[in-house]
Protein backbone atom coordinates (compact mmCIF):
# COMPACT_ATOMS: atom_id res chain seq x y z
CA MET A 1 -155.84 -32.55 -37.49
CA ASP A 2 -153.44 -31.29 -40.01
CA LEU A 3 -152.33 -28.10 -38.72
CA ALA A 4 -152.58 -26.23 -41.85
CA LEU A 5 -156.02 -26.52 -40.94
CA TRP A 6 -155.94 -25.12 -37.62
CA LYS A 7 -154.78 -21.76 -38.89
CA GLN A 8 -158.19 -22.01 -40.92
CA VAL A 9 -159.82 -22.49 -37.25
CA GLU A 10 -157.90 -19.85 -35.79
CA SER A 11 -158.55 -17.32 -38.32
CA SER A 12 -162.00 -17.66 -37.42
CA GLY A 13 -161.52 -16.59 -34.02
CA LYS A 14 -163.51 -19.69 -32.42
CA LEU A 15 -159.87 -21.44 -31.34
CA ARG A 16 -156.72 -21.55 -30.76
CA PRO A 17 -154.29 -24.51 -31.01
CA GLU A 18 -152.24 -23.32 -28.31
CA GLU A 19 -155.29 -23.92 -26.04
CA PHE A 20 -154.40 -27.75 -26.41
CA PHE A 21 -151.58 -30.07 -25.63
CA ALA A 22 -151.92 -32.26 -28.64
CA PRO A 23 -154.00 -30.24 -31.32
CA GLU A 24 -152.36 -32.06 -34.04
CA ARG A 25 -153.72 -35.53 -32.40
CA MET A 26 -157.54 -34.26 -32.08
CA SER A 27 -160.11 -34.81 -34.71
CA GLY A 28 -161.13 -31.82 -37.29
CA ARG A 29 -164.42 -32.57 -36.90
CA LEU A 30 -163.84 -32.48 -33.34
CA VAL A 31 -162.02 -29.22 -33.01
CA GLN A 32 -164.91 -27.83 -35.26
CA GLY A 33 -167.64 -28.72 -33.27
CA LEU A 34 -165.90 -26.93 -29.94
CA GLY A 35 -165.67 -24.10 -32.26
CA LEU A 36 -169.32 -24.34 -33.11
CA THR A 37 -170.37 -25.20 -29.39
CA ARG A 38 -167.81 -21.68 -28.21
CA GLU A 39 -170.03 -19.70 -30.91
CA ALA A 40 -173.50 -21.08 -29.58
CA THR A 41 -173.56 -20.85 -26.03
CA GLY A 42 -171.80 -17.96 -26.41
CA ARG A 43 -169.82 -18.53 -23.30
CA MET A 44 -166.45 -18.80 -22.39
CA MET A 45 -165.39 -22.23 -22.87
CA ARG A 46 -161.63 -22.92 -21.01
CA MET A 47 -160.30 -25.72 -22.84
CA SER A 48 -157.11 -27.75 -21.30
CA ARG A 49 -155.23 -24.76 -21.12
CA THR A 50 -154.58 -20.86 -21.90
CA ALA A 51 -153.74 -19.74 -24.78
CA ASP A 52 -150.26 -18.11 -23.62
CA GLY A 53 -149.98 -21.94 -21.54
CA ARG A 54 -149.45 -20.14 -18.38
CA THR A 55 -152.56 -21.80 -16.55
CA ILE A 56 -153.60 -25.45 -17.13
CA PHE A 57 -157.19 -26.14 -16.31
CA HIS A 58 -157.37 -29.80 -17.70
CA PRO A 59 -154.11 -31.62 -17.96
CA ASN A 60 -155.77 -34.76 -20.06
CA GLY A 61 -158.28 -32.51 -21.70
CA ASP A 62 -157.65 -33.51 -25.43
CA ALA A 63 -156.11 -35.80 -27.43
CA ASN A 64 -154.09 -38.72 -25.25
CA GLU A 65 -151.82 -41.43 -25.76
CA PHE A 66 -153.82 -45.04 -25.19
CA GLY A 67 -153.64 -45.72 -21.02
CA ASP A 68 -153.09 -42.18 -20.35
CA GLY A 69 -155.10 -40.86 -17.49
CA HIS A 70 -158.59 -41.92 -18.81
CA ALA A 71 -160.98 -44.78 -18.83
CA SER A 72 -160.62 -47.98 -21.02
CA PHE A 73 -160.80 -47.22 -24.71
CA SER A 74 -161.61 -43.06 -23.86
CA LEU A 75 -162.63 -41.76 -26.95
CA HIS A 76 -159.40 -39.08 -25.84
CA TYR A 77 -156.83 -41.51 -26.97
CA PHE A 78 -155.69 -41.75 -30.59
CA GLY A 79 -153.90 -44.11 -32.19
CA ILE A 80 -156.89 -46.69 -31.53
CA ASP A 81 -159.88 -48.10 -33.12
CA HIS A 82 -162.66 -46.49 -30.47
CA ASP A 83 -165.34 -48.73 -31.69
CA ALA A 84 -163.66 -52.02 -32.10
CA SER A 85 -161.85 -51.55 -28.64
CA LYS A 86 -165.16 -50.98 -26.69
CA ARG A 87 -166.78 -53.82 -28.37
CA GLU A 88 -163.84 -56.48 -28.06
CA GLY A 89 -162.97 -55.06 -25.03
CA VAL A 90 -159.08 -54.55 -25.67
CA ALA A 91 -157.26 -52.17 -27.90
CA VAL A 92 -157.26 -52.29 -31.39
CA GLU A 93 -154.60 -50.14 -32.76
CA ASP A 94 -155.17 -47.97 -35.93
CA THR A 95 -152.84 -45.43 -36.27
CA THR A 96 -155.46 -43.54 -38.22
CA GLN A 97 -156.95 -42.03 -35.97
CA TYR A 98 -157.40 -39.29 -33.94
CA GLY A 99 -158.55 -37.99 -30.62
CA LEU A 100 -162.05 -37.59 -30.54
CA ALA A 101 -163.12 -36.02 -26.94
CA CYS A 102 -162.30 -32.99 -25.06
CA ASP A 103 -163.03 -31.86 -21.73
CA PHE A 104 -163.40 -27.79 -20.69
CA ASP A 105 -164.96 -25.51 -18.36
CA PHE A 106 -167.35 -22.59 -18.75
CA ALA A 107 -165.72 -21.01 -15.58
CA ALA A 108 -169.36 -21.34 -13.71
CA THR A 109 -170.02 -23.16 -10.60
CA ASP A 110 -173.55 -22.62 -10.06
CA PRO A 111 -175.50 -26.21 -10.02
CA ASN A 112 -178.44 -24.71 -11.68
CA PHE A 113 -176.51 -22.29 -14.27
CA LEU A 114 -173.77 -25.74 -14.83
CA PHE A 115 -177.49 -27.74 -15.60
CA GLU A 116 -178.43 -24.77 -18.22
CA LEU A 117 -175.36 -25.04 -19.86
CA TYR A 118 -175.61 -29.10 -20.06
CA LEU A 119 -179.21 -28.40 -22.20
CA LYS A 120 -177.24 -26.10 -24.55
CA LEU A 121 -174.77 -28.09 -25.19
CA GLU A 122 -177.50 -30.98 -26.30
CA ARG A 123 -178.74 -28.07 -28.48
CA VAL A 124 -175.80 -27.94 -30.09
CA ARG A 125 -175.96 -29.40 -34.05
CA PHE A 126 -173.14 -30.07 -36.65
CA PRO A 127 -173.15 -29.60 -40.40
CA PHE A 128 -171.71 -33.03 -40.79
CA ALA A 129 -172.07 -35.97 -39.06
CA PRO A 130 -172.87 -37.29 -36.17
CA TYR A 131 -174.59 -34.07 -36.31
CA ARG A 132 -174.62 -33.50 -32.12
CA TRP A 133 -172.41 -34.68 -29.93
CA THR A 134 -172.83 -38.22 -29.35
CA GLY A 135 -171.70 -38.53 -25.35
CA ILE A 136 -171.97 -36.15 -22.89
CA GLY A 137 -170.16 -36.54 -19.47
CA ALA A 138 -170.69 -33.55 -16.30
CA TYR A 139 -168.05 -33.37 -14.05
CA ALA A 140 -169.26 -31.10 -11.11
CA HIS A 141 -166.88 -31.40 -8.75
CA TRP A 142 -163.71 -31.00 -10.64
CA ARG A 143 -161.15 -29.43 -8.84
CA LEU A 144 -158.05 -26.39 -9.97
CA GLY A 145 -155.80 -26.53 -7.06
CA ARG A 146 -157.96 -25.84 -4.13
CA LYS A 147 -161.02 -23.86 -6.32
CA ALA A 148 -163.97 -25.72 -7.39
CA ASN A 149 -163.84 -26.15 -11.10
CA PRO A 150 -166.75 -28.10 -12.72
CA GLY A 151 -166.80 -29.14 -16.36
CA PHE A 152 -167.62 -31.13 -18.89
CA HIS A 153 -166.82 -33.74 -21.55
CA VAL A 154 -168.09 -34.07 -25.31
CA ASP A 155 -167.00 -36.53 -27.59
CA LEU A 156 -167.70 -37.39 -31.50
CA ARG A 157 -168.18 -41.38 -30.89
CA SER A 158 -169.75 -42.84 -34.27
CA LEU A 159 -172.92 -43.48 -35.12
CA GLU A 160 -171.74 -47.18 -34.63
CA HIS A 161 -170.48 -47.02 -31.22
CA PRO A 162 -172.07 -49.91 -28.65
CA ASN A 163 -172.53 -46.81 -25.82
CA LEU A 164 -173.85 -43.84 -28.92
CA ASP A 165 -175.30 -41.40 -27.20
CA ALA A 166 -173.96 -41.53 -23.25
CA ARG A 167 -175.07 -39.25 -21.06
CA TRP A 168 -173.38 -39.48 -17.26
CA MET A 169 -172.17 -37.65 -14.45
CA ARG A 170 -169.85 -38.33 -11.64
CA GLU A 171 -171.12 -38.10 -8.43
CA ALA A 172 -168.89 -36.44 -5.27
CA GLY A 173 -167.94 -39.74 -3.99
CA GLY A 174 -166.56 -40.82 -7.56
CA LYS A 175 -169.84 -42.85 -8.73
CA TYR A 176 -170.95 -42.47 -12.47
CA VAL A 177 -174.62 -42.32 -12.70
CA PRO A 178 -176.87 -40.96 -15.88
CA LEU A 179 -176.93 -37.64 -15.90
CA THR A 180 -181.01 -36.63 -15.96
CA TRP A 181 -182.34 -33.18 -13.95
CA LYS A 182 -183.48 -35.98 -11.20
CA ALA A 183 -180.36 -37.15 -10.38
CA TRP A 184 -178.77 -33.83 -11.06
CA LYS A 185 -180.63 -32.26 -8.52
CA LYS A 186 -180.84 -35.14 -5.73
CA GLU A 187 -176.73 -34.73 -5.88
CA PHE A 188 -176.66 -31.00 -4.97
CA ARG A 189 -180.65 -30.60 -2.86
CA LEU A 190 -181.76 -28.51 -6.10
CA GLU A 191 -185.48 -27.06 -5.38
CA VAL A 192 -184.94 -24.95 -8.53
CA THR A 193 -186.77 -26.23 -11.63
CA VAL A 194 -185.32 -26.02 -14.80
CA SER A 195 -186.65 -26.11 -17.85
CA VAL A 196 -185.60 -29.15 -19.59
CA GLN A 197 -186.41 -29.11 -23.66
CA LYS A 198 -185.72 -32.41 -25.64
CA PRO A 199 -183.66 -30.89 -28.18
CA THR A 200 -184.60 -31.36 -32.11
CA GLY A 201 -183.37 -32.36 -35.42
CA ALA A 202 -180.84 -35.05 -35.89
């Protein structure tokens, strides 16, 4: 995203480029989506780092070079064709492509509340395609030093992406499973029922 456009986003009070390590490598739609999400949830959202740079929350949380700390063909990577790379199983270079994913947290640790926050992410809508987060991952066992620091991954994979609308969570043992209330409840041995509503709209 052109840094000049960042000035417009920053002036809205929703996001600051200093909260990220590579703001110029992030998709403009991703940045807009994060700003709208912060506004819609009404919660503190801690991005890659504090705006003053003193505290790092997610070292590889925004746009990264290919092969830098993420899964193969991650939406975090810039400089690759995400759809073609996933389909063909090899990195397909495209220097025009920006990073389409971001990691963040809500400074919250309660499992029930975290699932409610996930549901809020599901309900966020954008005035641009693809109109929603088309990839959401929950990482309830992330840590920040010795402290628990649960968080989320969101991305804007295209409507043609082979894994469109992927939803996943990482268990304490490192296994990735589909993100459902049943799986979440089992992971944390929860008894409280969370009201799960299907998002409406596009």
